[in-house]
Protein backbone atom coordinates (compact mmCIF):
# COMPACT_ATOMS: atom_id res chain seq x y z
CA MET A 1 53.95 -178.52 158.56
CA ASP A 2 50.85 -176.34 159.09
CA LEU A 3 53.29 -173.47 157.93
CA VAL A 4 54.44 -175.35 154.79
CA LEU A 5 50.83 -176.16 153.58
CA GLN A 6 49.57 -172.29 154.37
CA THR A 7 52.70 -171.16 152.31
CA LEU A 8 51.95 -173.54 149.29
CA ALA A 9 48.22 -172.65 149.54
CA ALA A 10 49.37 -169.14 149.54
CA ALA A 11 51.36 -169.87 146.43
CA ILE A 12 48.75 -171.90 144.40
CA VAL A 13 46.39 -168.59 144.86
CA ALA A 14 49.02 -166.07 143.97
CA ALA A 15 49.64 -168.36 141.07
CA GLY A 16 46.62 -168.73 140.15
CA SER A 17 45.91 -164.92 140.36
CA LEU A 18 48.65 -164.25 138.53
CA VAL A 19 47.55 -166.62 135.38
CA VAL A 20 44.35 -165.19 135.23
CA LEU A 21 45.53 -161.39 135.19
CA ILE A 22 48.14 -162.82 132.38
CA GLY A 23 44.89 -164.01 130.64
CA VAL A 24 42.71 -160.76 131.02
CA ALA A 25 45.66 -158.70 129.96
CA TYR A 26 46.19 -160.75 126.71
CA LEU A 27 42.74 -160.72 125.73
CA LEU A 28 42.56 -156.72 126.34
CA SER A 29 45.40 -156.45 123.98
CA LEU A 30 43.52 -158.54 121.50
CA ARG A 31 40.73 -156.38 121.49
CA LYS A 32 43.20 -152.93 121.18
CA GLN A 33 44.54 -154.46 117.88
CA ARG A 34 41.00 -155.43 116.56
CA LYS A 35 39.87 -151.86 116.78
CA ASN A 36 42.77 -151.01 114.62
CA LYS A 37 42.80 -153.90 112.33
CA LYS A 38 40.21 -153.57 109.24
CA PRO A 39 38.51 -156.55 107.54
CA ARG A 40 40.31 -157.87 104.94
CA LYS A 41 39.46 -156.86 101.12
CA PRO A 42 36.49 -158.57 99.61
CA LYS A 43 37.25 -160.71 96.57
CA LYS A 44 35.75 -159.70 93.19
CA THR A 45 31.82 -159.70 92.34
CA LYS A 46 31.34 -161.94 89.24
CA ILE A 47 28.44 -161.90 86.91
CA GLU A 48 26.10 -164.74 87.20
CA LYS A 49 23.39 -164.44 84.68
CA ILE A 50 22.17 -161.45 82.40
CA GLU A 51 18.81 -161.59 81.16
CA GLY A 52 16.63 -159.12 78.84
CA SER A 53 14.17 -157.18 80.36
CA ASP A 54 10.70 -155.89 79.16
CA MET A 55 11.94 -152.62 78.81
CA ALA A 56 13.94 -152.50 75.33
CA ASP A 57 16.97 -150.57 76.40
CA GLN A 58 17.58 -152.76 80.08
CA LEU A 59 19.52 -155.58 80.82
CA ARG A 60 18.85 -157.44 84.66
CA TYR A 61 22.42 -158.53 85.81
CA THR A 62 22.32 -161.23 88.67
CA LEU A 63 25.29 -160.82 90.60
CA ALA A 64 27.38 -163.59 92.62
CA ILE A 65 28.27 -162.12 95.57
CA PRO A 66 31.76 -163.95 97.42
CA GLU A 67 31.51 -164.68 101.29
CA PRO A 68 33.27 -162.22 103.49
CA GLY A 69 37.09 -162.99 103.98
CA ALA A 70 36.12 -162.67 108.02
CA GLY A 71 33.80 -164.34 110.51
CA ASP A 72 33.28 -160.64 111.96
CA VAL A 73 31.68 -159.07 109.37
CA VAL A 74 28.11 -157.79 110.02
CA THR A 75 27.24 -155.61 107.02
CA ARG A 76 28.40 -155.51 103.47
CA GLU A 77 28.08 -152.44 100.95
CA LEU A 78 27.80 -153.34 97.30
CA HIS A 79 28.77 -150.36 95.38
CA VAL A 80 27.33 -150.13 91.77
CA VAL A 81 28.76 -146.95 89.84
CA VAL A 82 26.85 -146.06 86.70
CA ASP A 83 28.39 -143.28 84.30
CA GLY A 84 30.32 -142.10 87.70
CA ILE A 85 27.07 -141.95 89.92
CA ASP A 86 27.43 -144.70 93.31
CA THR A 87 24.16 -146.03 94.40
CA THR A 88 25.31 -148.19 97.42
CA TYR A 89 23.31 -151.17 98.68
CA THR A 90 23.41 -152.68 102.03
CA LEU A 91 23.95 -156.25 102.37
CA THR A 92 23.96 -159.13 105.38
CA PRO A 93 27.04 -161.08 105.16
CA ASP A 94 24.64 -164.05 104.35
CA VAL A 95 24.01 -162.61 100.86
CA ARG A 96 25.54 -164.91 97.72
CA SER A 97 23.39 -163.04 94.77
CA PHE A 98 22.07 -159.45 93.77
CA THR A 99 20.29 -158.70 90.66
CA VAL A 100 20.22 -155.01 89.27
CA ASP A 101 18.67 -153.40 86.16
CA LEU A 102 21.11 -151.63 83.94
CA VAL A 103 20.52 -149.63 80.76
CA GLU A 104 22.44 -150.01 77.62
CA GLY A 105 25.36 -148.39 76.86
CA THR A 106 26.18 -147.46 80.43
CA SER A 107 29.77 -147.89 82.01
CA VAL A 108 29.30 -149.89 85.26
CA SER A 109 31.68 -150.23 88.33
CA ILE A 110 30.84 -152.76 90.83
CA PHE A 111 32.53 -153.35 94.29
CA LEU A 112 32.35 -154.49 98.02
CA VAL A 113 33.40 -152.80 101.11
CA ASP A 114 32.78 -155.40 104.21
CA VAL A 115 32.10 -153.83 107.91
CA ASP A 116 33.39 -155.64 111.08
CA ASN A 117 31.40 -155.94 114.46
CA ILE A 118 33.07 -152.95 115.47
CA GLY A 119 32.60 -150.43 112.65
CA ASN A 120 35.96 -151.15 111.15
CA ARG A 121 35.26 -150.90 106.96
CA SER A 122 37.67 -153.15 104.55
CA GLU A 123 39.48 -151.22 101.69
CA PRO A 124 37.07 -151.61 98.52
CA GLY A 125 37.26 -154.77 96.73
CA GLU A 126 38.39 -155.42 93.15
CA ALA A 127 35.97 -153.77 90.85
CA LEU A 128 34.32 -155.71 88.52
CA THR A 129 33.95 -153.12 85.59
CA PHE A 130 32.11 -153.22 82.05
CA THR A 131 30.06 -151.51 79.59
CA VAL A 132 26.31 -152.69 79.33
CA VAL A 133 25.92 -154.20 75.75
CA ASP A 134 23.00 -156.23 74.89
CA THR A 135 24.38 -159.45 73.05
CA ILE A 136 20.85 -161.63 73.60
CA PRO A 137 19.37 -162.48 70.84
CA PRO A 138 15.56 -162.57 70.36
CA PRO A 139 13.88 -165.88 71.59
CA LYS A 140 13.49 -168.20 69.09
CA PRO A 141 10.01 -167.73 67.02
CA LEU A 142 7.10 -169.57 67.38
CA PRO A 143 6.02 -171.76 64.08
CA PRO A 144 3.49 -170.46 61.67
CA VAL A 145 -0.58 -171.78 62.80
CA VAL A 146 -3.01 -172.54 59.85
CA ILE A 147 -5.98 -170.54 60.82
CA GLY A 148 -7.99 -171.54 57.53
CA VAL A 149 -8.18 -173.58 55.02
CA GLU A 150 -10.04 -172.97 51.33
CA GLU A 151 -10.68 -174.20 48.00
CA PRO A 152 -10.15 -171.51 45.46
CA GLY A 153 -13.43 -170.92 43.13
CA TYR A 154 -15.67 -172.98 45.57
CA GLN A 155 -18.32 -171.35 48.11
CA THR A 156 -17.00 -171.64 51.28
CA GLY A 157 -18.53 -170.84 54.92
CA PRO A 158 -20.39 -173.28 56.89
CA LEU A 159 -21.27 -176.66 55.72
CA PRO A 160 -24.48 -177.22 53.69
CA GLY A 161 -27.31 -178.34 55.82
CA PRO A 162 -30.81 -180.16 54.81
CA ALA A 163 -32.05 -176.93 53.57
CA PHE A 164 -29.16 -176.78 51.26
CA ALA A 165 -29.84 -180.23 50.17
CA GLU A 166 -31.83 -179.50 46.62
CA SER A 167 -30.83 -175.81 46.17
CA ASP A 168 -29.74 -174.30 42.58
CA PHE A 169 -26.37 -174.32 43.37
CA LEU A 170 -26.05 -177.85 44.59
CA LYS A 171 -27.99 -178.69 41.26
CA ALA A 172 -25.55 -177.03 39.53
CA ALA A 173 -22.49 -178.21 41.11
CA LYS A 174 -23.80 -181.86 40.45
CA ALA A 175 -24.26 -181.20 37.07
CA VAL A 176 -20.60 -180.03 36.18
CA LEU A 177 -19.49 -182.77 38.47
CA LYS A 178 -21.36 -185.41 36.03
CA LYS A 179 -19.55 -183.88 32.94
């Protein structure tokens, strides 16, 4: 009986070790596959808002940044290409909007590239392409404001006080009013 128990115990230990070895081999194969696998191509960036700027020929664009397509993305590159010149902004995966000032009349292309925790880079996302055109009208004007009221032909200025009470002007004015 002891021999049967010893054999059974040895088989259980061997089977357990085999399961652990298979699990480790599987995890290592996944890691090797991940090294060659690029993150998914990011979704297209969208224009969220356009505002006029204090500078006459600039517009401020607020972009909606889509979520990354994979959970292991650690860095995002936002490429803003203006008239062929690429400016790259590094973003964290949680950034959902970005603001950029652009000059009227320029051609713009904006796209994302995701980078995962191993350093694999995705293909560039679909580009948002447009020409900067000012279609924002000026704000509604304020109404005119009255800044003075006069009666033509009469003296204007401060209201008469006690020293003015019996002046020649007041006597002449009373005489005209009596007629």
